[in-house]
């Protein structure tokens, strides 16, 4: 009985680890982009400007064509 429980637990851990590795592989460049966020200004009112280097490939023309990010998109 203990062997079965041990194997099931090991299988669950293996599936979780494989899922985490797949997630990191798919979103690695997104994580790199988030790591480049830096504060550019130091205003006292708290409304500061930030910069970010986008490390993944994107197509601005497709984003504009879909209307994503525009106020009318809702």
C-alpha atoms as a PDB file:
ATOM      1  CA  UNK A   1       0.000   0.000   0.000  1.00  0.00           C
ATOM      2  CA  UNK A   2       2.819   2.403   0.839  1.00  0.00           C
ATOM      3  CA  UNK A   3       4.451   1.745  -2.537  1.00  0.00           C
ATOM      4  CA  UNK A   4       1.287   2.759  -4.375  1.00  0.00           C
ATOM      5  CA  UNK A   5       0.937   5.999  -2.400  1.00  0.00           C
ATOM      6  CA  UNK A   6       4.628   6.742  -2.933  1.00  0.00           C
ATOM      7  CA  UNK A   7       4.330   6.171  -6.690  1.00  0.00           C
ATOM      8  CA  UNK A   8       1.216   8.338  -6.936  1.00  0.00           C
ATOM      9  CA  UNK A   9       2.928  11.144  -5.007  1.00  0.00           C
ATOM     10  CA  UNK A  10       6.020  10.842  -7.193  1.00  0.00           C
ATOM     11  CA  UNK A  11       3.838  10.949 -10.300  1.00  0.00           C
ATOM     12  CA  UNK A  12       2.058  14.090  -9.106  1.00  0.00           C
ATOM     13  CA  UNK A  13       5.384  15.786  -8.333  1.00  0.00           C
ATOM     14  CA  UNK A  14       6.698  14.810 -11.769  1.00  0.00           C
ATOM     15  CA  UNK A  15       3.631  16.232 -13.526  1.00  0.00           C
ATOM     16  CA  UNK A  16       3.899  19.495 -11.568  1.00  0.00           C
ATOM     17  CA  UNK A  17       7.610  19.826 -12.377  1.00  0.00           C
ATOM     18  CA  UNK A  18       7.015  19.149 -16.065  1.00  0.00           C
ATOM     19  CA  UNK A  19       4.270  21.773 -16.044  1.00  0.00           C
ATOM     20  CA  UNK A  20       6.544  24.342 -14.411  1.00  0.00           C
ATOM     21  CA  UNK A  21       9.338  23.664 -16.896  1.00  0.00           C
ATOM     22  CA  UNK A  22       6.891  24.031 -19.789  1.00  0.00           C
ATOM     23  CA  UNK A  23       5.567  27.297 -18.338  1.00  0.00           C
ATOM     24  CA  UNK A  24       9.064  28.741 -17.986  1.00  0.00           C
ATOM     25  CA  UNK A  25       9.982  27.637 -21.514  1.00  0.00           C
ATOM     26  CA  UNK A  26       6.892  29.248 -23.022  1.00  0.00           C
ATOM     27  CA  UNK A  27       7.024  32.479 -21.021  1.00  0.00           C
ATOM     28  CA  UNK A  28      10.805  32.907 -20.592  1.00  0.00           C
ATOM     29  CA  UNK A  29      11.003  36.009 -22.781  1.00  0.00           C
ATOM     30  CA  UNK A  30       8.019  37.517 -20.981  1.00  0.00           C
ATOM     31  CA  UNK A  31       9.852  37.062 -17.681  1.00  0.00           C
ATOM     32  CA  UNK A  32      12.935  38.700 -19.205  1.00  0.00           C
ATOM     33  CA  UNK A  33      10.792  41.664 -20.265  1.00  0.00           C
ATOM     34  CA  UNK A  34       9.288  42.060 -16.790  1.00  0.00           C
ATOM     35  CA  UNK A  35      12.802  42.041 -15.321  1.00  0.00           C
ATOM     36  CA  UNK A  36      13.705  45.145 -17.364  1.00  0.00           C
ATOM     37  CA  UNK A  37      11.017  47.400 -15.838  1.00  0.00           C
ATOM     38  CA  UNK A  38      12.755  50.418 -14.302  1.00  0.00           C
ATOM     39  CA  UNK A  39      11.543  53.693 -12.794  1.00  0.00           C
ATOM     40  CA  UNK A  40      12.559  56.660 -14.975  1.00  0.00           C
ATOM     41  CA  UNK A  41      11.353  59.539 -12.806  1.00  0.00           C
ATOM     42  CA  UNK A  42      11.067  60.305  -9.122  1.00  0.00           C
ATOM     43  CA  UNK A  43       8.034  62.540  -8.789  1.00  0.00           C
ATOM     44  CA  UNK A  44       6.819  63.166  -5.247  1.00  0.00           C
ATOM     45  CA  UNK A  45       3.142  62.697  -6.148  1.00  0.00           C
ATOM     46  CA  UNK A  46       3.705  59.019  -6.949  1.00  0.00           C
ATOM     47  CA  UNK A  47       2.841  59.254 -10.649  1.00  0.00           C
ATOM     48  CA  UNK A  48       6.165  58.208 -12.127  1.00  0.00           C
ATOM     49  CA  UNK A  49       7.263  57.078 -15.561  1.00  0.00           C
ATOM     50  CA  UNK A  50       8.681  53.615 -16.157  1.00  0.00           C
ATOM     51  CA  UNK A  51      10.639  52.063 -19.015  1.00  0.00           C
ATOM     52  CA  UNK A  52      10.733  48.494 -20.233  1.00  0.00           C
ATOM     53  CA  UNK A  53      12.693  46.644 -22.916  1.00  0.00           C
ATOM     54  CA  UNK A  54      10.435  44.196 -24.755  1.00  0.00           C
ATOM     55  CA  UNK A  55      12.462  41.048 -25.432  1.00  0.00           C
ATOM     56  CA  UNK A  56       9.790  38.989 -27.180  1.00  0.00           C
ATOM     57  CA  UNK A  57       8.676  39.233 -30.780  1.00  0.00           C
ATOM     58  CA  UNK A  58       5.473  41.125 -31.421  1.00  0.00           C
ATOM     59  CA  UNK A  59       3.819  42.719 -34.452  1.00  0.00           C
ATOM     60  CA  UNK A  60       2.434  46.205 -33.821  1.00  0.00           C
ATOM     61  CA  UNK A  61       0.427  46.166 -37.061  1.00  0.00           C
ATOM     62  CA  UNK A  62      -1.507  43.071 -35.907  1.00  0.00           C
ATOM     63  CA  UNK A  63      -2.198  44.654 -32.523  1.00  0.00           C
ATOM     64  CA  UNK A  64      -3.512  47.822 -34.163  1.00  0.00           C
ATOM     65  CA  UNK A  65      -5.587  45.844 -36.681  1.00  0.00           C
ATOM     66  CA  UNK A  66      -7.284  43.903 -33.877  1.00  0.00           C
ATOM     67  CA  UNK A  67      -8.006  47.129 -32.021  1.00  0.00           C
ATOM     68  CA  UNK A  68      -6.373  45.858 -28.818  1.00  0.00           C
ATOM     69  CA  UNK A  69      -5.543  48.558 -26.332  1.00  0.00           C
ATOM     70  CA  UNK A  70      -7.870  51.114 -27.831  1.00  0.00           C
ATOM     71  CA  UNK A  71     -10.660  52.638 -25.731  1.00  0.00           C
ATOM     72  CA  UNK A  72     -13.201  51.327 -28.257  1.00  0.00           C
ATOM     73  CA  UNK A  73     -12.057  47.690 -27.797  1.00  0.00           C
ATOM     74  CA  UNK A  74     -14.515  47.118 -24.945  1.00  0.00           C
END
